[in-house]
């Protein structure tokens, strides 16, 4: 980020921080990730997918939601790079993506719900 002239001189801290501030596009991507976590249904889906891989039908049944609603949330999460999917026969299986952002979300979810991941170390 370019040097922004500050109206008051309170030392160098703000100026030094501004030198390392990410570009606006990075903040937009970060906000979109947090937006995904702001929906309780998506957060529940992410909690499940942090700890297992399963098909949309089983995920819908486990959450007591319609398959259409779960499919919609899965699509949004997949398009935002938080989950991945693969087909096996007629079933599509979903799991947390293997990305830095998805791993961060996993850690946040585990910390938020004070859970030790049951699949850590496998």
PDB file of N, CA and C in Angstrom:
ATOM      1  N   UNK A   1       0.854  -1.185   0.000  1.00  0.00           N
ATOM      2  CA  UNK A   1       0.000   0.000   0.000  1.00  0.00           C
ATOM      3  C   UNK A   1       0.890   1.234   0.000  1.00  0.00           C
ATOM      4  N   UNK A   2       0.466   2.247  -0.706  1.00  0.00           N
ATOM      5  CA  UNK A   2       1.280   3.459  -0.809  1.00  0.00           C
ATOM      6  C   UNK A   2       1.276   4.221   0.517  1.00  0.00           C
ATOM      7  N   UNK A   3       2.319   5.047   0.689  1.00  0.00           N
ATOM      8  CA  UNK A   3       2.406   5.870   1.886  1.00  0.00           C
ATOM      9  C   UNK A   3       1.262   6.884   1.890  1.00  0.00           C
ATOM     10  N   UNK A   4       0.510   6.881   2.958  1.00  0.00           N
ATOM     11  CA  UNK A   4      -0.586   7.811   3.120  1.00  0.00           C
ATOM     12  C   UNK A   4      -0.147   8.898   4.087  1.00  0.00           C
ATOM     13  N   UNK A   5      -0.199  10.161   3.669  1.00  0.00           N
ATOM     14  CA  UNK A   5       0.171  11.219   4.610  1.00  0.00           C
ATOM     15  C   UNK A   5      -0.855  11.279   5.746  1.00  0.00           C
ATOM     16  N   UNK A   6      -0.359  11.257   6.968  1.00  0.00           N
ATOM     17  CA  UNK A   6      -1.254  11.272   8.131  1.00  0.00           C
ATOM     18  C   UNK A   6      -1.336  12.690   8.687  1.00  0.00           C
ATOM     19  N   UNK A   7      -2.529  13.108   9.080  1.00  0.00           N
ATOM     20  CA  UNK A   7      -2.693  14.488   9.567  1.00  0.00           C
ATOM     21  C   UNK A   7      -1.996  14.748  10.898  1.00  0.00           C
ATOM     22  N   UNK A   8      -1.817  13.724  11.735  1.00  0.00           N
ATOM     23  CA  UNK A   8      -1.162  13.901  13.036  1.00  0.00           C
ATOM     24  C   UNK A   8       0.019  12.955  13.142  1.00  0.00           C
ATOM     25  N   UNK A   9       1.076  13.404  13.781  1.00  0.00           N
ATOM     26  CA  UNK A   9       2.259  12.573  13.989  1.00  0.00           C
ATOM     27  C   UNK A   9       2.229  12.029  15.410  1.00  0.00           C
ATOM     28  N   UNK A  10       1.854  10.739  15.544  1.00  0.00           N
ATOM     29  CA  UNK A  10       1.810  10.083  16.856  1.00  0.00           C
ATOM     30  C   UNK A  10       2.887   9.004  16.939  1.00  0.00           C
ATOM     31  N   UNK A  11       3.910   9.127  16.156  1.00  0.00           N
ATOM     32  CA  UNK A  11       4.963   8.122  16.126  1.00  0.00           C
ATOM     33  C   UNK A  11       4.883   7.351  14.821  1.00  0.00           C
ATOM     34  N   UNK A  12       5.676   6.309  14.734  1.00  0.00           N
ATOM     35  CA  UNK A  12       5.796   5.596  13.475  1.00  0.00           C
ATOM     36  C   UNK A  12       4.916   4.348  13.366  1.00  0.00           C
ATOM     37  N   UNK A  13       4.239   3.940  14.416  1.00  0.00           N
ATOM     38  CA  UNK A  13       3.537   2.646  14.410  1.00  0.00           C
ATOM     39  C   UNK A  13       2.544   2.533  13.250  1.00  0.00           C
ATOM     40  N   UNK A  14       1.656   3.472  13.096  1.00  0.00           N
ATOM     41  CA  UNK A  14       0.644   3.384  12.042  1.00  0.00           C
ATOM     42  C   UNK A  14       1.279   3.391  10.661  1.00  0.00           C
ATOM     43  N   UNK A  15       2.260   4.233  10.463  1.00  0.00           N
ATOM     44  CA  UNK A  15       2.945   4.289   9.176  1.00  0.00           C
ATOM     45  C   UNK A  15       3.619   2.969   8.843  1.00  0.00           C
ATOM     46  N   UNK A  16       4.260   2.348   9.839  1.00  0.00           N
ATOM     47  CA  UNK A  16       4.913   1.058   9.618  1.00  0.00           C
ATOM     48  C   UNK A  16       3.898  -0.030   9.289  1.00  0.00           C
ATOM     49  N   UNK A  17       2.785  -0.013   9.970  1.00  0.00           N
ATOM     50  CA  UNK A  17       1.747  -1.007   9.715  1.00  0.00           C
ATOM     51  C   UNK A  17       1.167  -0.811   8.317  1.00  0.00           C
ATOM     52  N   UNK A  18       0.929   0.419   7.935  1.00  0.00           N
ATOM     53  CA  UNK A  18       0.372   0.700   6.619  1.00  0.00           C
ATOM     54  C   UNK A  18       1.276   0.209   5.491  1.00  0.00           C
ATOM     55  N   UNK A  19       2.584   0.191   5.713  1.00  0.00           N
ATOM     56  CA  UNK A  19       3.507  -0.300   4.693  1.00  0.00           C
ATOM     57  C   UNK A  19       3.275  -1.775   4.370  1.00  0.00           C
ATOM     58  N   UNK A  20       2.717  -2.515   5.309  1.00  0.00           N
ATOM     59  CA  UNK A  20       2.507  -3.957   5.143  1.00  0.00           C
ATOM     60  C   UNK A  20       1.038  -4.331   4.942  1.00  0.00           C
ATOM     61  N   UNK A  21       0.193  -3.335   4.847  1.00  0.00           N
ATOM     62  CA  UNK A  21      -1.242  -3.591   4.709  1.00  0.00           C
ATOM     63  C   UNK A  21      -1.544  -4.242   3.355  1.00  0.00           C
ATOM     64  N   UNK A  22      -2.306  -5.346   3.359  1.00  0.00           N
ATOM     65  CA  UNK A  22      -2.673  -6.009   2.093  1.00  0.00           C
ATOM     66  C   UNK A  22      -3.518  -5.088   1.210  1.00  0.00           C
ATOM     67  N   UNK A  23      -3.580  -5.445  -0.059  1.00  0.00           N
ATOM     68  CA  UNK A  23      -4.403  -4.690  -1.005  1.00  0.00           C
ATOM     69  C   UNK A  23      -5.887  -4.935  -0.725  1.00  0.00           C
ATOM     70  N   UNK A  24      -6.723  -4.051  -1.230  1.00  0.00           N
ATOM     71  CA  UNK A  24      -8.170  -4.142  -0.988  1.00  0.00           C
ATOM     72  C   UNK A  24      -8.768  -5.459  -1.480  1.00  0.00           C
ATOM     73  N   UNK A  25      -8.242  -6.002  -2.586  1.00  0.00           N
ATOM     74  CA  UNK A  25      -8.775  -7.258  -3.132  1.00  0.00           C
ATOM     75  C   UNK A  25      -8.597  -8.403  -2.140  1.00  0.00           C
ATOM     76  N   UNK A  26      -7.483  -8.384  -1.405  1.00  0.00           N
ATOM     77  CA  UNK A  26      -7.252  -9.432  -0.408  1.00  0.00           C
ATOM     78  C   UNK A  26      -8.257  -9.322   0.731  1.00  0.00           C
ATOM     79  N   UNK A  27      -8.590  -8.102   1.129  1.00  0.00           N
ATOM     80  CA  UNK A  27      -9.609  -7.913   2.165  1.00  0.00           C
ATOM     81  C   UNK A  27     -10.973  -8.366   1.667  1.00  0.00           C
ATOM     82  N   UNK A  28     -11.265  -8.129   0.398  1.00  0.00           N
ATOM     83  CA  UNK A  28     -12.540  -8.575  -0.176  1.00  0.00           C
ATOM     84  C   UNK A  28     -12.631 -10.100  -0.139  1.00  0.00           C
ATOM     85  N   UNK A  29     -11.542 -10.793  -0.487  1.00  0.00           N
ATOM     86  CA  UNK A  29     -11.541 -12.267  -0.421  1.00  0.00           C
ATOM     87  C   UNK A  29     -11.713 -12.740   1.018  1.00  0.00           C
ATOM     88  N   UNK A  30     -11.053 -12.086   1.940  1.00  0.00           N
ATOM     89  CA  UNK A  30     -11.186 -12.440   3.353  1.00  0.00           C
ATOM     90  C   UNK A  30     -12.603 -12.231   3.859  1.00  0.00           C
ATOM     91  N   UNK A  31     -13.212 -11.120   3.461  1.00  0.00           N
ATOM     92  CA  UNK A  31     -14.593 -10.844   3.881  1.00  0.00           C
ATOM     93  C   UNK A  31     -15.545 -11.902   3.335  1.00  0.00           C
ATOM     94  N   UNK A  32     -15.307 -12.354   2.103  1.00  0.00           N
ATOM     95  CA  UNK A  32     -16.162 -13.392   1.518  1.00  0.00           C
ATOM     96  C   UNK A  32     -16.024 -14.695   2.292  1.00  0.00           C
ATOM     97  N   UNK A  33     -14.826 -15.031   2.719  1.00  0.00           N
ATOM     98  CA  UNK A  33     -14.632 -16.237   3.536  1.00  0.00           C
ATOM     99  C   UNK A  33     -15.392 -16.109   4.845  1.00  0.00           C
ATOM    100  N   UNK A  34     -15.278 -14.965   5.504  1.00  0.00           N
ATOM    101  CA  UNK A  34     -15.999 -14.769   6.764  1.00  0.00           C
ATOM    102  C   UNK A  34     -17.504 -14.767   6.549  1.00  0.00           C
ATOM    103  N   UNK A  35     -17.957 -14.288   5.403  1.00  0.00           N
ATOM    104  CA  UNK A  35     -19.389 -14.292   5.098  1.00  0.00           C
ATOM    105  C   UNK A  35     -19.913 -15.733   5.071  1.00  0.00           C
ATOM    106  N   UNK A  36     -19.095 -16.652   4.574  1.00  0.00           N
ATOM    107  CA  UNK A  36     -19.497 -18.059   4.534  1.00  0.00           C
ATOM    108  C   UNK A  36     -19.701 -18.606   5.945  1.00  0.00           C
ATOM    109  N   UNK A  37     -18.895 -18.143   6.878  1.00  0.00           N
ATOM    110  CA  UNK A  37     -18.992 -18.610   8.254  1.00  0.00           C
ATOM    111  C   UNK A  37     -20.143 -17.956   9.006  1.00  0.00           C
ATOM    112  N   UNK A  38     -20.728 -16.903   8.434  1.00  0.00           N
ATOM    113  CA  UNK A  38     -21.807 -16.187   9.092  1.00  0.00           C
ATOM    114  C   UNK A  38     -23.165 -16.841   8.957  1.00  0.00           C
ATOM    115  N   UNK A  39     -23.276 -17.868   8.149  1.00  0.00           N
ATOM    116  CA  UNK A  39     -24.541 -18.579   7.979  1.00  0.00           C
ATOM    117  C   UNK A  39     -24.503 -19.840   8.835  1.00  0.00           C
ATOM    118  N   UNK A  40     -25.440 -20.002   9.783  1.00  0.00           N
ATOM    119  CA  UNK A  40     -25.402 -21.163  10.676  1.00  0.00           C
ATOM    120  C   UNK A  40     -25.438 -22.506   9.944  1.00  0.00           C
ATOM    121  N   UNK A  41     -26.190 -22.599   8.863  1.00  0.00           N
ATOM    122  CA  UNK A  41     -26.242 -23.862   8.122  1.00  0.00           C
ATOM    123  C   UNK A  41     -24.898 -24.177   7.484  1.00  0.00           C
ATOM    124  N   UNK A  42     -24.243 -23.172   6.920  1.00  0.00           N
ATOM    125  CA  UNK A  42     -22.932 -23.401   6.319  1.00  0.00           C
ATOM    126  C   UNK A  42     -21.894 -23.730   7.384  1.00  0.00           C
ATOM    127  N   UNK A  43     -22.001 -23.079   8.530  1.00  0.00           N
ATOM    128  CA  UNK A  43     -21.067 -23.364   9.615  1.00  0.00           C
ATOM    129  C   UNK A  43     -21.234 -24.805  10.091  1.00  0.00           C
ATOM    130  N   UNK A  44     -22.467 -25.268  10.201  1.00  0.00           N
ATOM    131  CA  UNK A  44     -22.707 -26.672  10.584  1.00  0.00           C
ATOM    132  C   UNK A  44     -22.144 -27.623   9.529  1.00  0.00           C
ATOM    133  N   UNK A  45     -22.366 -27.313   8.266  1.00  0.00           N
ATOM    134  CA  UNK A  45     -21.811 -28.138   7.188  1.00  0.00           C
ATOM    135  C   UNK A  45     -20.286 -28.148   7.237  1.00  0.00           C
ATOM    136  N   UNK A  46     -19.691 -26.986   7.422  1.00  0.00           N
ATOM    137  CA  UNK A  46     -18.238 -26.917   7.505  1.00  0.00           C
ATOM    138  C   UNK A  46     -17.723 -27.704   8.700  1.00  0.00           C
ATOM    139  N   UNK A  47     -18.429 -27.634   9.829  1.00  0.00           N
ATOM    140  CA  UNK A  47     -18.012 -28.407  10.996  1.00  0.00           C
ATOM    141  C   UNK A  47     -17.971 -29.892  10.646  1.00  0.00           C
ATOM    142  N   UNK A  48     -19.014 -30.378   9.988  1.00  0.00           N
ATOM    143  CA  UNK A  48     -19.027 -31.786   9.589  1.00  0.00           C
ATOM    144  C   UNK A  48     -17.898 -32.090   8.605  1.00  0.00           C
ATOM    145  N   UNK A  49     -17.736 -31.245   7.610  1.00  0.00           N
ATOM    146  CA  UNK A  49     -16.763 -31.510   6.549  1.00  0.00           C
ATOM    147  C   UNK A  49     -15.320 -31.300   6.995  1.00  0.00           C
ATOM    148  N   UNK A  50     -15.118 -30.621   8.113  1.00  0.00           N
ATOM    149  CA  UNK A  50     -13.781 -30.539   8.702  1.00  0.00           C
ATOM    150  C   UNK A  50     -13.360 -31.899   9.245  1.00  0.00           C
ATOM    151  N   UNK A  51     -14.347 -32.724   9.571  1.00  0.00           N
ATOM    152  CA  UNK A  51     -14.056 -33.954  10.294  1.00  0.00           C
ATOM    153  C   UNK A  51     -14.411 -35.225   9.538  1.00  0.00           C
ATOM    154  N   UNK A  52     -15.047 -35.093   8.392  1.00  0.00           N
ATOM    155  CA  UNK A  52     -15.359 -36.290   7.615  1.00  0.00           C
ATOM    156  C   UNK A  52     -15.659 -35.910   6.167  1.00  0.00           C
ATOM    157  N   UNK A  53     -15.748 -36.929   5.349  1.00  0.00           N
ATOM    158  CA  UNK A  53     -16.159 -36.767   3.953  1.00  0.00           C
ATOM    159  C   UNK A  53     -17.453 -37.560   3.806  1.00  0.00           C
ATOM    160  N   UNK A  54     -18.449 -36.965   3.152  1.00  0.00           N
ATOM    161  CA  UNK A  54     -19.689 -37.712   2.923  1.00  0.00           C
ATOM    162  C   UNK A  54     -20.465 -37.100   1.774  1.00  0.00           C
ATOM    163  N   UNK A  55     -21.526 -37.799   1.389  1.00  0.00           N
ATOM    164  CA  UNK A  55     -22.354 -37.350   0.269  1.00  0.00           C
ATOM    165  C   UNK A  55     -23.410 -36.354   0.751  1.00  0.00           C
ATOM    166  N   UNK A  56     -23.933 -35.593  -0.199  1.00  0.00           N
ATOM    167  CA  UNK A  56     -24.924 -34.570   0.117  1.00  0.00           C
ATOM    168  C   UNK A  56     -26.180 -35.119   0.769  1.00  0.00           C
ATOM    169  N   UNK A  57     -26.605 -36.308   0.366  1.00  0.00           N
ATOM    170  CA  UNK A  57     -27.817 -36.902   0.940  1.00  0.00           C
ATOM    171  C   UNK A  57     -27.616 -37.201   2.417  1.00  0.00           C
ATOM    172  N   UNK A  58     -26.465 -37.794   2.771  1.00  0.00           N
ATOM    173  CA  UNK A  58     -26.188 -38.075   4.182  1.00  0.00           C
ATOM    174  C   UNK A  58     -26.017 -36.788   4.982  1.00  0.00           C
ATOM    175  N   UNK A  59     -25.368 -35.790   4.392  1.00  0.00           N
ATOM    176  CA  UNK A  59     -25.196 -34.517   5.086  1.00  0.00           C
ATOM    177  C   UNK A  59     -26.542 -33.872   5.371  1.00  0.00           C
ATOM    178  N   UNK A  60     -27.451 -33.920   4.396  1.00  0.00           N
ATOM    179  CA  UNK A  60     -28.791 -33.355   4.584  1.00  0.00           C
ATOM    180  C   UNK A  60     -29.518 -34.082   5.704  1.00  0.00           C
ATOM    181  N   UNK A  61     -29.452 -35.398   5.713  1.00  0.00           N
ATOM    182  CA  UNK A  61     -30.125 -36.177   6.758  1.00  0.00           C
ATOM    183  C   UNK A  61     -29.517 -35.877   8.126  1.00  0.00           C
ATOM    184  N   UNK A  62     -28.186 -35.810   8.193  1.00  0.00           N
ATOM    185  CA  UNK A  62     -27.514 -35.553   9.468  1.00  0.00           C
ATOM    186  C   UNK A  62     -27.887 -34.198  10.049  1.00  0.00           C
ATOM    187  N   UNK A  63     -28.115 -33.219   9.177  1.00  0.00           N
ATOM    188  CA  UNK A  63     -28.437 -31.863   9.632  1.00  0.00           C
ATOM    189  C   UNK A  63     -29.932 -31.596   9.702  1.00  0.00           C
ATOM    190  N   UNK A  64     -30.742 -32.566   9.267  1.00  0.00           N
ATOM    191  CA  UNK A  64     -32.192 -32.359   9.279  1.00  0.00           C
ATOM    192  C   UNK A  64     -32.630 -31.277   8.309  1.00  0.00           C
ATOM    193  N   UNK A  65     -31.935 -31.190   7.182  1.00  0.00           N
ATOM    194  CA  UNK A  65     -32.250 -30.182   6.173  1.00  0.00           C
ATOM    195  C   UNK A  65     -32.655 -30.871   4.885  1.00  0.00           C
ATOM    196  N   UNK A  66     -33.293 -30.139   4.000  1.00  0.00           N
ATOM    197  CA  UNK A  66     -33.638 -30.704   2.699  1.00  0.00           C
ATOM    198  C   UNK A  66     -32.377 -30.865   1.868  1.00  0.00           C
ATOM    199  N   UNK A  67     -32.420 -31.830   0.962  1.00  0.00           N
ATOM    200  CA  UNK A  67     -31.262 -32.051   0.082  1.00  0.00           C
ATOM    201  C   UNK A  67     -31.002 -30.814  -0.775  1.00  0.00           C
ATOM    202  N   UNK A  68     -32.069 -30.143  -1.212  1.00  0.00           N
ATOM    203  CA  UNK A  68     -31.915 -28.938  -2.038  1.00  0.00           C
ATOM    204  C   UNK A  68     -31.200 -27.827  -1.265  1.00  0.00           C
ATOM    205  N   UNK A  69     -31.563 -27.635  -0.009  1.00  0.00           N
ATOM    206  CA  UNK A  69     -30.922 -26.587   0.797  1.00  0.00           C
ATOM    207  C   UNK A  69     -29.446 -26.904   1.020  1.00  0.00           C
ATOM    208  N   UNK A  70     -29.160 -28.170   1.340  1.00  0.00           N
ATOM    209  CA  UNK A  70     -27.766 -28.558   1.561  1.00  0.00           C
ATOM    210  C   UNK A  70     -26.977 -28.424   0.267  1.00  0.00           C
ATOM    211  N   UNK A  71     -27.558 -28.821  -0.848  1.00  0.00           N
ATOM    212  CA  UNK A  71     -26.883 -28.694  -2.141  1.00  0.00           C
ATOM    213  C   UNK A  71     -26.528 -27.242  -2.431  1.00  0.00           C
ATOM    214  N   UNK A  72     -27.443 -26.338  -2.131  1.00  0.00           N
ATOM    215  CA  UNK A  72     -27.183 -24.913  -2.343  1.00  0.00           C
ATOM    216  C   UNK A  72     -25.984 -24.463  -1.508  1.00  0.00           C
ATOM    217  N   UNK A  73     -25.978 -24.796  -0.222  1.00  0.00           N
ATOM    218  CA  UNK A  73     -24.875 -24.390   0.652  1.00  0.00           C
ATOM    219  C   UNK A  73     -23.555 -25.032   0.224  1.00  0.00           C
ATOM    220  N   UNK A  74     -23.611 -26.293  -0.173  1.00  0.00           N
ATOM    221  CA  UNK A  74     -22.397 -26.975  -0.636  1.00  0.00           C
ATOM    222  C   UNK A  74     -21.828 -26.287  -1.875  1.00  0.00           C
ATOM    223  N   UNK A  75     -22.717 -25.884  -2.777  1.00  0.00           N
ATOM    224  CA  UNK A  75     -22.264 -25.202  -3.990  1.00  0.00           C
ATOM    225  C   UNK A  75     -21.569 -23.886  -3.645  1.00  0.00           C
ATOM    226  N   UNK A  76     -22.151 -23.130  -2.739  1.00  0.00           N
ATOM    227  CA  UNK A  76     -21.562 -21.846  -2.340  1.00  0.00           C
ATOM    228  C   UNK A  76     -20.194 -22.065  -1.695  1.00  0.00           C
ATOM    229  N   UNK A  77     -20.107 -23.056  -0.807  1.00  0.00           N
ATOM    230  CA  UNK A  77     -18.835 -23.335  -0.145  1.00  0.00           C
ATOM    231  C   UNK A  77     -17.778 -23.816  -1.142  1.00  0.00           C
ATOM    232  N   UNK A  78     -18.198 -24.619  -2.112  1.00  0.00           N
ATOM    233  CA  UNK A  78     -17.266 -25.125  -3.126  1.00  0.00           C
ATOM    234  C   UNK A  78     -16.786 -23.984  -4.021  1.00  0.00           C
ATOM    235  N   UNK A  79     -17.699 -23.113  -4.439  1.00  0.00           N
ATOM    236  CA  UNK A  79     -17.320 -21.991  -5.294  1.00  0.00           C
ATOM    237  C   UNK A  79     -16.379 -21.016  -4.589  1.00  0.00           C
ATOM    238  N   UNK A  80     -16.450 -20.985  -3.269  1.00  0.00           N
ATOM    239  CA  UNK A  80     -15.570 -20.108  -2.496  1.00  0.00           C
ATOM    240  C   UNK A  80     -14.296 -20.820  -2.048  1.00  0.00           C
ATOM    241  N   UNK A  81     -14.099 -22.037  -2.526  1.00  0.00           N
ATOM    242  CA  UNK A  81     -12.850 -22.745  -2.285  1.00  0.00           C
ATOM    243  C   UNK A  81     -12.670 -23.333  -0.907  1.00  0.00           C
ATOM    244  N   UNK A  82     -13.748 -23.425  -0.127  1.00  0.00           N
ATOM    245  CA  UNK A  82     -13.615 -23.984   1.217  1.00  0.00           C
ATOM    246  C   UNK A  82     -13.785 -25.501   1.246  1.00  0.00           C
ATOM    247  N   UNK A  83     -14.502 -26.051   0.271  1.00  0.00           N
ATOM    248  CA  UNK A  83     -14.678 -27.499   0.214  1.00  0.00           C
ATOM    249  C   UNK A  83     -14.383 -27.984  -1.205  1.00  0.00           C
ATOM    250  N   UNK A  84     -14.163 -29.278  -1.323  1.00  0.00           N
ATOM    251  CA  UNK A  84     -13.986 -29.904  -2.625  1.00  0.00           C
ATOM    252  C   UNK A  84     -14.971 -31.054  -2.725  1.00  0.00           C
ATOM    253  N   UNK A  85     -15.145 -31.545  -3.947  1.00  0.00           N
ATOM    254  CA  UNK A  85     -16.051 -32.667  -4.154  1.00  0.00           C
ATOM    255  C   UNK A  85     -15.449 -33.611  -5.181  1.00  0.00           C
ATOM    256  N   UNK A  86     -15.899 -34.859  -5.112  1.00  0.00           N
ATOM    257  CA  UNK A  86     -15.532 -35.833  -6.138  1.00  0.00           C
ATOM    258  C   UNK A  86     -16.678 -36.821  -6.279  1.00  0.00           C
ATOM    259  N   UNK A  87     -16.803 -37.345  -7.472  1.00  0.00           N
ATOM    260  CA  UNK A  87     -17.879 -38.270  -7.786  1.00  0.00           C
ATOM    261  C   UNK A  87     -17.375 -39.705  -7.654  1.00  0.00           C
ATOM    262  N   UNK A  88     -18.217 -40.540  -7.076  1.00  0.00           N
ATOM    263  CA  UNK A  88     -17.970 -41.974  -7.021  1.00  0.00           C
ATOM    264  C   UNK A  88     -19.285 -42.646  -7.400  1.00  0.00           C
ATOM    265  N   UNK A  89     -19.357 -43.131  -8.639  1.00  0.00           N
ATOM    266  CA  UNK A  89     -20.623 -43.667  -9.139  1.00  0.00           C
ATOM    267  C   UNK A  89     -21.629 -42.545  -9.272  1.00  0.00           C
ATOM    268  N   UNK A  90     -22.780 -42.726  -8.642  1.00  0.00           N
ATOM    269  CA  UNK A  90     -23.826 -41.701  -8.699  1.00  0.00           C
ATOM    270  C   UNK A  90     -23.724 -40.689  -7.556  1.00  0.00           C
ATOM    271  N   UNK A  91     -22.868 -40.965  -6.591  1.00  0.00           N
ATOM    272  CA  UNK A  91     -22.749 -40.105  -5.413  1.00  0.00           C
ATOM    273  C   UNK A  91     -21.652 -39.062  -5.601  1.00  0.00           C
ATOM    274  N   UNK A  92     -21.888 -37.884  -5.041  1.00  0.00           N
ATOM    275  CA  UNK A  92     -20.863 -36.849  -4.978  1.00  0.00           C
ATOM    276  C   UNK A  92     -20.500 -36.686  -3.509  1.00  0.00           C
ATOM    277  N   UNK A  93     -19.210 -36.819  -3.218  1.00  0.00           N
ATOM    278  CA  UNK A  93     -18.708 -36.714  -1.853  1.00  0.00           C
ATOM    279  C   UNK A  93     -18.036 -35.373  -1.648  1.00  0.00           C
ATOM    280  N   UNK A  94     -18.213 -34.811  -0.460  1.00  0.00           N
ATOM    281  CA  UNK A  94     -17.691 -33.496  -0.131  1.00  0.00           C
ATOM    282  C   UNK A  94     -16.765 -33.596   1.071  1.00  0.00           C
ATOM    283  N   UNK A  95     -15.744 -32.753   1.093  1.00  0.00           N
ATOM    284  CA  UNK A  95     -14.838 -32.651   2.228  1.00  0.00           C
ATOM    285  C   UNK A  95     -14.206 -31.270   2.227  1.00  0.00           C
ATOM    286  N   UNK A  96     -13.552 -30.938   3.316  1.00  0.00           N
ATOM    287  CA  UNK A  96     -12.862 -29.658   3.409  1.00  0.00           C
ATOM    288  C   UNK A  96     -11.735 -29.610   2.383  1.00  0.00           C
ATOM    289  N   UNK A  97     -11.564 -28.479   1.759  1.00  0.00           N
ATOM    290  CA  UNK A  97     -10.493 -28.310   0.762  1.00  0.00           C
ATOM    291  C   UNK A  97      -9.128 -28.360   1.446  1.00  0.00           C
ATOM    292  N   UNK A  98      -8.132 -28.751   0.681  1.00  0.00           N
ATOM    293  CA  UNK A  98      -6.763 -28.798   1.185  1.00  0.00           C
ATOM    294  C   UNK A  98      -6.056 -27.501   0.809  1.00  0.00           C
ATOM    295  N   UNK A  99      -6.503 -26.421   1.455  1.00  0.00           N
ATOM    296  CA  UNK A  99      -5.927 -25.097   1.209  1.00  0.00           C
ATOM    297  C   UNK A  99      -5.599 -24.453   2.549  1.00  0.00           C
ATOM    298  N   UNK A 100      -4.758 -23.453   2.500  1.00  0.00           N
ATOM    299  CA  UNK A 100      -4.400 -22.739   3.727  1.00  0.00           C
ATOM    300  C   UNK A 100      -5.638 -22.114   4.370  1.00  0.00           C
ATOM    301  N   UNK A 101      -6.506 -21.519   3.557  1.00  0.00           N
ATOM    302  CA  UNK A 101      -7.716 -20.887   4.092  1.00  0.00           C
ATOM    303  C   UNK A 101      -8.624 -21.921   4.743  1.00  0.00           C
ATOM    304  N   UNK A 102      -8.824 -23.060   4.090  1.00  0.00           N
ATOM    305  CA  UNK A 102      -9.688 -24.104   4.655  1.00  0.00           C
ATOM    306  C   UNK A 102      -9.095 -24.659   5.947  1.00  0.00           C
ATOM    307  N   UNK A 103      -7.774 -24.824   6.006  1.00  0.00           N
ATOM    308  CA  UNK A 103      -7.141 -25.310   7.241  1.00  0.00           C
ATOM    309  C   UNK A 103      -7.315 -24.292   8.365  1.00  0.00           C
ATOM    310  N   UNK A 104      -7.232 -23.008   8.028  1.00  0.00           N
ATOM    311  CA  UNK A 104      -7.467 -21.963   9.024  1.00  0.00           C
ATOM    312  C   UNK A 104      -8.905 -22.028   9.535  1.00  0.00           C
ATOM    313  N   UNK A 105      -9.860 -22.195   8.620  1.00  0.00           N
ATOM    314  CA  UNK A 105     -11.270 -22.333   9.013  1.00  0.00           C
ATOM    315  C   UNK A 105     -11.435 -23.538   9.931  1.00  0.00           C
ATOM    316  N   UNK A 106     -10.779 -24.654   9.599  1.00  0.00           N
ATOM    317  CA  UNK A 106     -10.846 -25.857  10.434  1.00  0.00           C
ATOM    318  C   UNK A 106     -10.356 -25.553  11.849  1.00  0.00           C
ATOM    319  N   UNK A 107      -9.208 -24.891  11.964  1.00  0.00           N
ATOM    320  CA  UNK A 107      -8.678 -24.553  13.288  1.00  0.00           C
ATOM    321  C   UNK A 107      -9.629 -23.623  14.037  1.00  0.00           C
ATOM    322  N   UNK A 108     -10.202 -22.652  13.323  1.00  0.00           N
ATOM    323  CA  UNK A 108     -11.135 -21.727  13.968  1.00  0.00           C
ATOM    324  C   UNK A 108     -12.366 -22.467  14.476  1.00  0.00           C
ATOM    325  N   UNK A 109     -12.899 -23.370  13.669  1.00  0.00           N
ATOM    326  CA  UNK A 109     -14.082 -24.128  14.071  1.00  0.00           C
ATOM    327  C   UNK A 109     -13.761 -25.002  15.280  1.00  0.00           C
ATOM    328  N   UNK A 110     -12.621 -25.684  15.254  1.00  0.00           N
ATOM    329  CA  UNK A 110     -12.241 -26.513  16.397  1.00  0.00           C
ATOM    330  C   UNK A 110     -12.077 -25.663  17.648  1.00  0.00           C
ATOM    331  N   UNK A 111     -11.420 -24.509  17.524  1.00  0.00           N
ATOM    332  CA  UNK A 111     -11.237 -23.634  18.686  1.00  0.00           C
ATOM    333  C   UNK A 111     -12.566 -23.067  19.161  1.00  0.00           C
ATOM    334  N   UNK A 112     -13.400 -22.658  18.227  1.00  0.00           N
ATOM    335  CA  UNK A 112     -14.688 -22.071  18.579  1.00  0.00           C
ATOM    336  C   UNK A 112     -15.555 -23.053  19.363  1.00  0.00           C
ATOM    337  N   UNK A 113     -15.572 -24.300  18.938  1.00  0.00           N
ATOM    338  CA  UNK A 113     -16.418 -25.294  19.587  1.00  0.00           C
ATOM    339  C   UNK A 113     -15.638 -26.171  20.562  1.00  0.00           C
ATOM    340  N   UNK A 114     -14.395 -25.764  20.856  1.00  0.00           N
ATOM    341  CA  UNK A 114     -13.539 -26.463  21.818  1.00  0.00           C
ATOM    342  C   UNK A 114     -13.520 -27.969  21.559  1.00  0.00           C
ATOM    343  N   UNK A 115     -13.193 -28.299  20.336  1.00  0.00           N
ATOM    344  CA  UNK A 115     -13.190 -29.692  19.917  1.00  0.00           C
ATOM    345  C   UNK A 115     -11.803 -30.069  19.448  1.00  0.00           C
ATOM    346  N   UNK A 116     -11.374 -31.242  19.838  1.00  0.00           N
ATOM    347  CA  UNK A 116     -10.168 -31.796  19.249  1.00  0.00           C
ATOM    348  C   UNK A 116     -10.615 -32.630  18.076  1.00  0.00           C
ATOM    349  N   UNK A 117     -10.065 -32.350  16.929  1.00  0.00           N
ATOM    350  CA  UNK A 117     -10.479 -33.023  15.712  1.00  0.00           C
ATOM    351  C   UNK A 117     -10.351 -34.533  15.881  1.00  0.00           C
ATOM    352  N   UNK A 118     -11.437 -35.278  15.675  1.00  0.00           N
ATOM    353  CA  UNK A 118     -11.375 -36.739  15.843  1.00  0.00           C
ATOM    354  C   UNK A 118     -10.527 -37.416  14.790  1.00  0.00           C
ATOM    355  N   UNK A 119     -10.190 -36.731  13.701  1.00  0.00           N
ATOM    356  CA  UNK A 119      -9.403 -37.372  12.645  1.00  0.00           C
ATOM    357  C   UNK A 119      -7.959 -36.892  12.613  1.00  0.00           C
ATOM    358  N   UNK A 120      -7.545 -36.040  13.565  1.00  0.00           N
ATOM    359  CA  UNK A 120      -6.151 -35.574  13.598  1.00  0.00           C
ATOM    360  C   UNK A 120      -5.241 -36.780  13.807  1.00  0.00           C
ATOM    361  N   UNK A 121      -4.189 -36.805  13.069  1.00  0.00           N
ATOM    362  CA  UNK A 121      -3.225 -37.872  13.227  1.00  0.00           C
ATOM    363  C   UNK A 121      -3.532 -39.118  12.420  1.00  0.00           C
ATOM    364  N   UNK A 122      -4.648 -39.136  11.708  1.00  0.00           N
ATOM    365  CA  UNK A 122      -4.964 -40.302  10.879  1.00  0.00           C
ATOM    366  C   UNK A 122      -4.294 -40.198   9.545  1.00  0.00           C
TER     367      UNK A 122
END
